[in-house]
Amino acid sequence: MIGEAFWESSEEEGVVVQDSKQEEPAQKQSSPLLNDSERHSNEESSSSNEPLHPALNAVKGILILVVVSWILWNSFGHAFLQGTQSTEYANEAMSWPTTSVHLDSDIEAWSEGVDCGDDTCYEEFFIATLILNCALLDDGNYTCGPEVENGTLIQTELACEPNHSIFASGGVQYSTKGPMPDPCIAVSDIWDWGHGGYGFPQQYFDYRYEDPWEVYDTECLWQSEPNDEPYWNCYFDNGEYDTWWYHCEFAVNESLWFCIDAFGPEASSEDNQNASERPIGSAQEILSDTYGDVLEVRYDPADPSRVYIGDPGDAPSNPMTFVIGFIILGVAVLICIVRVVSMAVDKSKKIA
């Protein structure tokens, strides 16, 4: 500034220079800290960018392979295998004899909504306990039928149920049971019997009495209800109570109960079950009428527990589809295996 003393300006410049010199050591002292932090950050970024260990990559690849294989199996493999087994079983059943199932067979059928994408479809399902009346022949094979005397009752269980598992997909949306590889193909043949059965109780008209005999294929019990009078109580196939009767007698060979009120309360007795007031041949007539429209099955003479419902000639068969499906499944799995191995080798080379 004009007119300002020269010594005042020099003192101010000296103060500025001294302050700047004092700041330099502080900056020099802080620079190592900055360098350390930068080095650590670089190390962290470099460590995060390091490739996974080959073993971890192999484990990752194996998990991917397992998931892909499971998806492919549920979508294609299970259905192909079941279809192949079903075709072989149907071909074997072509030569089997046919017979009617026993009256004590139990069949339950129903329909249920299943997922069809955006819509809901209704599928038919069933659970069946089939009983055959069979006798062992001298050649080691069995002959079965309602006319067989002193036969052995052989039981077979079949089921085609919805699969509510969270893992159900593709070919396993149904849960099956029984000797038939795919019992769901028998739904249409077995459906009527699951709803109507054999139509018991039935009425048998006897010209001697005004009211007919009531015929049951389930057990009738003496005084089975609480605070019961001296009556017979009979039940439906599902176990529900039907009504009571003064007189009920049991046809042992045919497993049928014949009940009537024509004899009045004075004749009501527990000993009625051994009576034979019903017409001769009435039980056989009932069975003959019933078996005229009965569920028929094919059975393996060597093992009658192996049965087939329906016409084996109608079984779906497309062997080339099964072969192509298994080829696709095998190629997909092979590609996954090669991919996993190549990834592990590449990672090992990079680390080396």
Protein backbone atom coordinates (compact mmCIF):
# COMPACT_ATOMS: atom_id res chain seq x y z
CA MET A 1 0.00 0.00 0.00
CA ILE A 2 1.32 3.55 -0.83
CA GLY A 3 2.53 5.29 2.21
CA GLU A 4 2.77 2.08 4.24
CA ALA A 5 6.04 1.44 6.08
CA PHE A 6 8.19 -1.19 4.50
CA TRP A 7 8.93 -2.96 7.79
CA GLU A 8 5.24 -3.63 8.47
CA SER A 9 4.87 -5.50 5.17
CA SER A 10 7.87 -7.66 5.83
CA GLU A 11 6.58 -8.74 9.23
CA GLU A 12 3.26 -9.86 7.74
CA GLU A 13 4.99 -11.88 5.03
CA GLY A 14 7.12 -13.55 7.67
CA VAL A 15 4.08 -14.62 9.64
CA VAL A 16 2.46 -16.17 6.53
CA VAL A 17 5.63 -18.05 5.62
CA GLN A 18 5.97 -19.36 9.18
CA ASP A 19 2.36 -20.59 9.27
CA SER A 20 2.79 -22.43 5.99
CA LYS A 21 5.92 -24.13 7.29
CA GLN A 22 4.05 -25.29 10.39
CA GLU A 23 1.26 -26.84 8.25
CA GLU A 24 3.69 -28.85 6.09
CA PRO A 25 4.74 -31.31 8.84
CA ALA A 26 1.09 -31.92 9.73
CA GLN A 27 0.32 -32.77 6.13
CA LYS A 28 3.35 -35.02 5.99
CA GLN A 29 2.20 -36.79 9.14
CA SER A 30 -1.35 -37.38 7.79
CA SER A 31 -0.20 -38.71 4.42
CA PRO A 32 0.92 -42.11 5.79
CA LEU A 33 -2.56 -42.60 7.26
CA LEU A 34 -4.16 -41.87 3.91
CA ASN A 35 -1.80 -44.26 2.18
CA ASP A 36 -2.62 -47.01 4.68
CA SER A 37 -6.36 -46.57 4.20
CA GLU A 38 -5.99 -46.62 0.41
CA ARG A 39 -3.86 -49.75 0.61
CA HIS A 40 -6.42 -51.53 2.83
CA SER A 41 -9.28 -50.55 0.53
CA ASN A 42 -7.36 -51.87 -2.46
CA GLU A 43 -6.65 -55.12 -0.65
CA GLU A 44 -10.34 -55.52 0.24
CA SER A 45 -11.46 -54.86 -3.32
CA SER A 46 -8.87 -57.26 -4.70
CA SER A 47 -9.86 -59.94 -2.18
CA SER A 48 -13.54 -59.56 -3.07
CA ASN A 49 -12.70 -60.02 -6.74
CA GLU A 50 -10.72 -63.19 -6.13
CA PRO A 51 -12.32 -66.32 -7.72
CA LEU A 52 -13.89 -68.99 -5.52
CA HIS A 53 -11.83 -71.99 -4.52
CA PRO A 54 -12.18 -74.90 -7.00
CA ALA A 55 -13.75 -77.08 -4.32
CA LEU A 56 -16.48 -74.51 -3.71
CA ASN A 57 -17.08 -74.23 -7.42
CA ALA A 58 -17.40 -78.00 -7.65
CA VAL A 59 -19.92 -78.06 -4.81
CA LYS A 60 -21.87 -75.25 -6.46
CA GLY A 61 -21.90 -77.13 -9.75
CA ILE A 62 -23.01 -80.36 -8.10
CA LEU A 63 -25.92 -78.58 -6.41
CA ILE A 64 -26.96 -77.10 -9.74
CA LEU A 65 -26.70 -80.55 -11.33
CA VAL A 66 -28.87 -82.11 -8.62
CA VAL A 67 -31.56 -79.43 -8.99
CA VAL A 68 -31.59 -79.69 -12.78
CA SER A 69 -31.70 -83.50 -12.67
CA TRP A 70 -34.59 -83.42 -10.19
CA ILE A 71 -36.57 -81.02 -12.38
CA LEU A 72 -35.95 -83.14 -15.47
CA TRP A 73 -36.90 -86.35 -13.65
CA ASN A 74 -40.17 -84.92 -12.37
CA SER A 75 -41.00 -83.43 -15.74
CA PHE A 76 -40.01 -86.33 -17.99
CA GLY A 77 -38.18 -89.26 -16.41
CA HIS A 78 -40.83 -90.43 -13.92
CA ALA A 79 -43.58 -90.35 -16.53
CA PHE A 80 -41.43 -92.22 -19.06
CA LEU A 81 -40.47 -94.93 -16.58
CA GLN A 82 -44.05 -95.35 -15.35
CA GLY A 83 -45.33 -95.53 -18.91
CA THR A 84 -42.81 -98.20 -19.83
CA GLN A 85 -43.68 -100.32 -16.79
CA SER A 86 -47.40 -99.86 -17.45
CA THR A 87 -47.01 -101.07 -21.04
CA GLU A 88 -45.06 -104.16 -19.97
CA TYR A 89 -47.64 -104.95 -17.25
CA ALA A 90 -50.54 -104.58 -19.71
CA ASN A 91 -48.83 -106.92 -22.21
CA GLU A 92 -48.42 -109.49 -19.47
CA ALA A 93 -52.08 -109.17 -18.41
CA MET A 94 -53.32 -109.93 -21.92
CA SER A 95 -53.13 -113.67 -21.17
CA TRP A 96 -54.62 -113.53 -17.66
CA PRO A 97 -58.13 -114.91 -16.92
CA THR A 98 -60.94 -112.61 -15.76
CA THR A 99 -63.20 -112.82 -12.73
CA SER A 100 -65.62 -110.76 -10.66
CA VAL A 101 -64.46 -109.16 -7.44
CA HIS A 102 -65.98 -110.33 -4.16
CA LEU A 103 -68.92 -108.48 -2.64
CA ASP A 104 -66.81 -107.44 0.33
CA SER A 105 -64.57 -105.36 -1.92
CA ASP A 106 -64.47 -101.73 -0.88
CA ILE A 107 -64.19 -98.93 -3.45
CA GLU A 108 -64.29 -95.18 -2.83
CA ALA A 109 -64.23 -92.74 -5.74
CA TRP A 110 -64.39 -88.95 -5.85
CA SER A 111 -63.52 -85.94 -8.00
CA GLU A 112 -61.24 -83.10 -6.99
CA GLY A 113 -60.04 -79.85 -8.50
CA VAL A 114 -56.43 -79.78 -9.72
CA ASP A 115 -54.28 -76.96 -11.05
CA CYS A 116 -54.47 -76.52 -14.82
CA GLY A 117 -52.51 -73.29 -15.12
CA ASP A 118 -54.92 -70.39 -15.11
CA ASP A 119 -57.94 -72.68 -14.73
CA THR A 120 -59.04 -75.42 -12.34
CA CYS A 121 -59.73 -78.86 -13.78
CA TYR A 122 -61.59 -81.69 -12.06
CA GLU A 123 -59.93 -85.10 -12.03
CA GLU A 124 -61.35 -88.41 -10.81
CA PHE A 125 -59.59 -90.43 -8.11
CA PHE A 126 -60.21 -93.65 -6.20
CA ILE A 127 -59.08 -95.92 -3.38
CA ALA A 128 -59.99 -99.60 -3.74
CA THR A 129 -59.58 -102.74 -1.69
CA LEU A 130 -60.36 -105.55 -4.13
CA ILE A 131 -61.03 -109.07 -2.88
CA LEU A 132 -60.95 -112.23 -5.00
CA ASN A 133 -62.31 -115.62 -3.98
CA CYS A 134 -59.59 -118.06 -5.09
CA ALA A 135 -58.57 -121.70 -4.69
CA LEU A 136 -55.09 -123.18 -5.15
CA LEU A 137 -54.86 -125.87 -7.83
CA ASP A 138 -52.55 -128.87 -7.97
CA ASP A 139 -50.27 -127.19 -10.51
CA GLY A 140 -49.52 -124.33 -8.11
CA ASN A 141 -51.74 -121.79 -9.88
CA TYR A 142 -54.97 -120.24 -8.62
CA THR A 143 -58.46 -120.19 -10.01
CA CYS A 144 -60.69 -117.35 -8.85
CA GLY A 145 -64.40 -116.55 -9.05
CA PRO A 146 -67.60 -116.23 -7.02
CA GLU A 147 -68.46 -119.87 -7.79
CA VAL A 148 -65.27 -121.24 -6.17
CA GLU A 149 -66.12 -123.31 -3.07
CA ASN A 150 -64.05 -123.15 0.12
CA GLY A 151 -61.89 -120.52 -1.48
CA THR A 152 -59.41 -118.15 0.09
CA LEU A 153 -60.12 -114.43 -0.02
CA ILE A 154 -57.10 -112.65 -1.51
CA GLN A 155 -56.92 -108.89 -1.10
CA THR A 156 -55.34 -106.25 -3.33
CA GLU A 157 -55.14 -102.51 -2.72
CA LEU A 158 -55.17 -99.98 -5.56
CA ALA A 159 -55.20 -96.20 -5.36
CA CYS A 160 -55.03 -93.18 -7.61
CA GLU A 161 -54.96 -90.13 -5.35
CA PRO A 162 -53.98 -86.48 -5.80
CA ASN A 163 -50.42 -85.68 -4.78
CA HIS A 164 -50.53 -82.61 -2.56
CA SER A 165 -46.77 -82.56 -1.95
CA ILE A 166 -44.98 -79.28 -2.67
CA PHE A 167 -42.53 -81.31 -4.78
CA ALA A 168 -45.27 -82.71 -7.02
CA SER A 169 -44.81 -81.75 -10.64
CA GLY A 170 -44.71 -83.24 -14.10
CA GLY A 171 -45.40 -86.97 -13.92
CA VAL A 172 -45.89 -87.20 -10.17
CA GLN A 173 -49.00 -85.08 -9.69
CA TYR A 174 -50.78 -88.34 -8.78
CA SER A 175 -50.02 -90.62 -5.85
CA THR A 176 -50.47 -94.28 -6.82
CA LYS A 177 -50.55 -97.57 -4.97
CA GLY A 178 -50.87 -101.21 -5.96
CA PRO A 179 -49.46 -103.77 -8.39
CA MET A 180 -50.57 -101.80 -11.46
CA PRO A 181 -47.78 -99.35 -12.34
CA ASP A 182 -50.37 -96.75 -13.33
CA PRO A 183 -53.75 -97.53 -11.71
CA CYS A 184 -55.05 -94.10 -12.72
CA ILE A 185 -55.85 -95.51 -16.18
CA ALA A 186 -58.55 -97.64 -14.49
CA VAL A 187 -60.50 -94.66 -13.13
CA SER A 188 -63.22 -94.80 -15.79
CA ASP A 189 -63.79 -98.55 -15.23
CA ILE A 190 -63.89 -98.31 -11.46
CA TRP A 191 -65.78 -95.01 -11.10
CA ASP A 192 -69.34 -96.43 -11.05
CA TRP A 193 -68.52 -98.93 -8.33
CA GLY A 194 -66.96 -96.30 -6.16
CA HIS A 195 -70.25 -94.40 -6.15
CA GLY A 196 -72.89 -97.11 -6.24
CA GLY A 197 -71.12 -100.30 -5.24
CA TYR A 198 -73.40 -103.27 -5.57
CA GLY A 199 -76.55 -101.43 -4.50
CA PHE A 200 -77.03 -102.95 -1.04
CA PRO A 201 -79.32 -103.20 0.77
CA GLN A 202 -81.50 -104.94 -1.80
CA GLN A 203 -85.03 -106.25 -1.62
CA TYR A 204 -85.96 -109.87 -2.25
CA PHE A 205 -89.68 -110.53 -2.82
CA ASP A 206 -91.17 -113.60 -1.22
CA TYR A 207 -94.75 -114.45 -2.29
CA ARG A 208 -95.50 -115.84 1.20
CA TYR A 209 -95.25 -112.43 2.86
CA GLU A 210 -96.65 -109.02 2.13
CA ASP A 211 -93.34 -107.21 2.69
CA PRO A 212 -90.09 -108.22 1.00
CA TRP A 213 -86.87 -109.37 2.66
CA GLU A 214 -84.24 -106.69 3.08
CA VAL A 215 -80.80 -108.03 2.12
CA TYR A 216 -77.59 -106.53 3.52
CA ASP A 217 -73.99 -107.25 2.57
CA THR A 218 -72.79 -105.70 5.85
CA GLU A 219 -73.16 -107.01 9.38
CA CYS A 220 -76.43 -106.81 11.29
CA LEU A 221 -76.07 -106.73 15.07
CA TRP A 222 -78.34 -107.77 17.93
CA GLN A 223 -79.19 -104.92 20.33
CA SER A 224 -76.20 -102.87 19.15
CA GLU A 225 -77.70 -99.43 19.77
CA PRO A 226 -77.79 -97.71 23.23
CA ASN A 227 -80.98 -98.44 25.28
CA ASP A 228 -81.96 -100.83 22.53
CA GLU A 229 -85.04 -103.03 22.47
CA PRO A 230 -84.70 -106.71 21.49
CA TYR A 231 -84.22 -105.89 17.85
CA TRP A 232 -81.70 -106.43 15.08
CA ASN A 233 -79.90 -103.31 13.85
CA CYS A 234 -78.49 -103.13 10.33
CA TYR A 235 -76.06 -100.69 8.74
CA PHE A 236 -75.06 -99.33 5.37
CA ASP A 237 -71.69 -100.05 3.74
CA ASN A 238 -70.23 -96.83 5.12
CA GLY A 239 -71.12 -97.86 8.69
CA GLU A 240 -74.10 -95.54 9.08
CA TYR A 241 -77.16 -96.91 10.83
CA ASP A 242 -80.06 -97.93 8.57
CA THR A 243 -82.92 -99.36 10.65
CA TRP A 244 -83.98 -102.18 13.01
CA TRP A 245 -85.73 -105.50 12.34
CA TYR A 246 -87.54 -108.18 14.35
CA HIS A 247 -85.97 -111.03 12.40
CA CYS A 248 -82.53 -111.27 10.70
CA GLU A 249 -80.85 -114.46 9.51
CA PHE A 250 -77.38 -114.93 8.09
CA ALA A 251 -76.43 -116.76 4.88
CA VAL A 252 -72.94 -117.94 5.81
CA ASN A 253 -71.61 -119.01 2.42
CA GLU A 254 -72.75 -115.82 0.71
CA SER A 255 -72.07 -113.43 3.63
CA LEU A 256 -75.55 -111.88 3.32
CA TRP A 257 -78.13 -110.91 5.97
CA PHE A 258 -81.87 -111.41 5.25
CA CYS A 259 -84.16 -109.32 7.47
CA ILE A 260 -87.96 -109.10 7.74
CA ASP A 261 -90.70 -108.06 10.24
CA ALA A 262 -93.28 -110.62 9.11
CA PHE A 263 -92.89 -112.81 12.23
CA GLY A 264 -93.64 -110.02 14.73
CA PRO A 265 -91.85 -108.93 17.92
CA GLU A 266 -92.54 -112.18 19.77
CA ALA A 267 -90.26 -114.05 17.35
CA SER A 268 -87.40 -111.57 17.73
CA SER A 269 -84.35 -113.35 19.09
CA GLU A 270 -80.58 -113.39 18.81
CA ASP A 271 -80.88 -116.99 17.58
CA ASN A 272 -82.59 -115.76 14.40
CA GLN A 273 -79.21 -115.49 12.72
CA ASN A 274 -79.09 -119.30 12.42
CA ALA A 275 -82.63 -119.55 10.99
CA SER A 276 -83.46 -120.52 7.41
CA GLU A 277 -86.89 -118.96 6.81
CA ARG A 278 -85.72 -117.32 3.60
CA PRO A 279 -86.52 -119.15 0.34
CA ILE A 280 -84.05 -121.81 -0.75
CA GLY A 281 -81.63 -120.44 -3.31
CA SER A 282 -82.46 -116.81 -2.51
CA ALA A 283 -78.89 -115.93 -1.60
CA GLN A 284 -77.52 -117.45 -4.79
CA GLU A 285 -80.17 -115.59 -6.77
CA ILE A 286 -79.18 -112.30 -5.18
CA LEU A 287 -75.52 -112.92 -6.00
CA SER A 288 -76.34 -113.98 -9.55
CA ASP A 289 -78.26 -110.76 -10.19
CA THR A 290 -75.54 -108.69 -8.57
CA TYR A 291 -72.65 -110.31 -10.39
CA GLY A 292 -74.44 -109.86 -13.70
CA ASP A 293 -73.24 -106.26 -13.64
CA VAL A 294 -70.16 -106.45 -11.47
CA LEU A 295 -66.63 -105.11 -11.62
CA GLU A 296 -64.45 -107.57 -13.49
CA VAL A 297 -60.67 -107.76 -13.27
CA ARG A 298 -57.90 -109.80 -14.79
CA TYR A 299 -55.69 -111.67 -12.34
CA ASP A 300 -52.33 -113.42 -12.47
CA PRO A 301 -52.93 -117.17 -11.87
CA ALA A 302 -49.54 -117.45 -10.17
CA ASP A 303 -50.29 -114.50 -7.85
CA PRO A 304 -53.93 -113.31 -7.75
CA SER A 305 -52.93 -110.20 -5.84
CA ARG A 306 -51.63 -108.91 -9.19
CA VAL A 307 -54.71 -107.63 -10.99
CA TYR A 308 -55.48 -105.51 -14.01
CA ILE A 309 -58.64 -103.40 -14.40
CA GLY A 310 -59.85 -102.64 -17.90
CA ASP A 311 -58.76 -103.86 -21.32
CA PRO A 312 -54.96 -104.26 -21.55
CA GLY A 313 -55.23 -103.59 -25.27
CA ASP A 314 -56.36 -100.04 -24.51
CA ALA A 315 -53.27 -99.24 -22.44
CA PRO A 316 -51.30 -96.27 -23.86
CA SER A 317 -48.14 -97.36 -25.61
CA ASN A 318 -45.52 -95.23 -27.36
CA PRO A 319 -42.07 -96.78 -26.82
CA MET A 320 -40.23 -94.25 -29.03
CA THR A 321 -41.45 -91.40 -26.83
CA PHE A 322 -39.94 -93.11 -23.80
CA VAL A 323 -36.62 -93.70 -25.60
CA ILE A 324 -36.40 -90.13 -26.83
CA GLY A 325 -37.26 -88.82 -23.38
CA PHE A 326 -34.53 -90.81 -21.68
CA ILE A 327 -32.01 -89.72 -24.33
CA ILE A 328 -32.88 -86.06 -23.71
CA LEU A 329 -32.59 -86.58 -19.96
CA GLY A 330 -29.22 -88.34 -20.27
CA VAL A 331 -27.76 -85.70 -22.59
CA ALA A 332 -28.85 -82.89 -20.27
CA VAL A 333 -27.25 -84.56 -17.27
CA LEU A 334 -24.05 -85.26 -19.23
CA ILE A 335 -23.79 -81.62 -20.30
CA CYS A 336 -24.14 -80.52 -16.69
CA ILE A 337 -21.40 -82.91 -15.57
CA VAL A 338 -18.99 -81.71 -18.28
CA ARG A 339 -19.75 -78.12 -17.38
CA VAL A 340 -18.99 -78.66 -13.70
CA VAL A 341 -15.71 -80.44 -14.41
CA SER A 342 -14.53 -77.79 -16.91
CA MET A 343 -15.34 -74.98 -14.47
CA ALA A 344 -13.34 -76.65 -11.72
CA VAL A 345 -10.33 -77.21 -14.04
CA ASP A 346 -10.36 -73.60 -15.28
CA LYS A 347 -10.44 -72.21 -11.77
CA SER A 348 -7.57 -74.45 -10.72
CA LYS A 349 -5.44 -73.24 -13.63
CA LYS A 350 -6.10 -69.59 -12.83
CA ILE A 351 -5.12 -70.02 -9.19
CA ALA A 352 -1.98 -71.94 -10.16
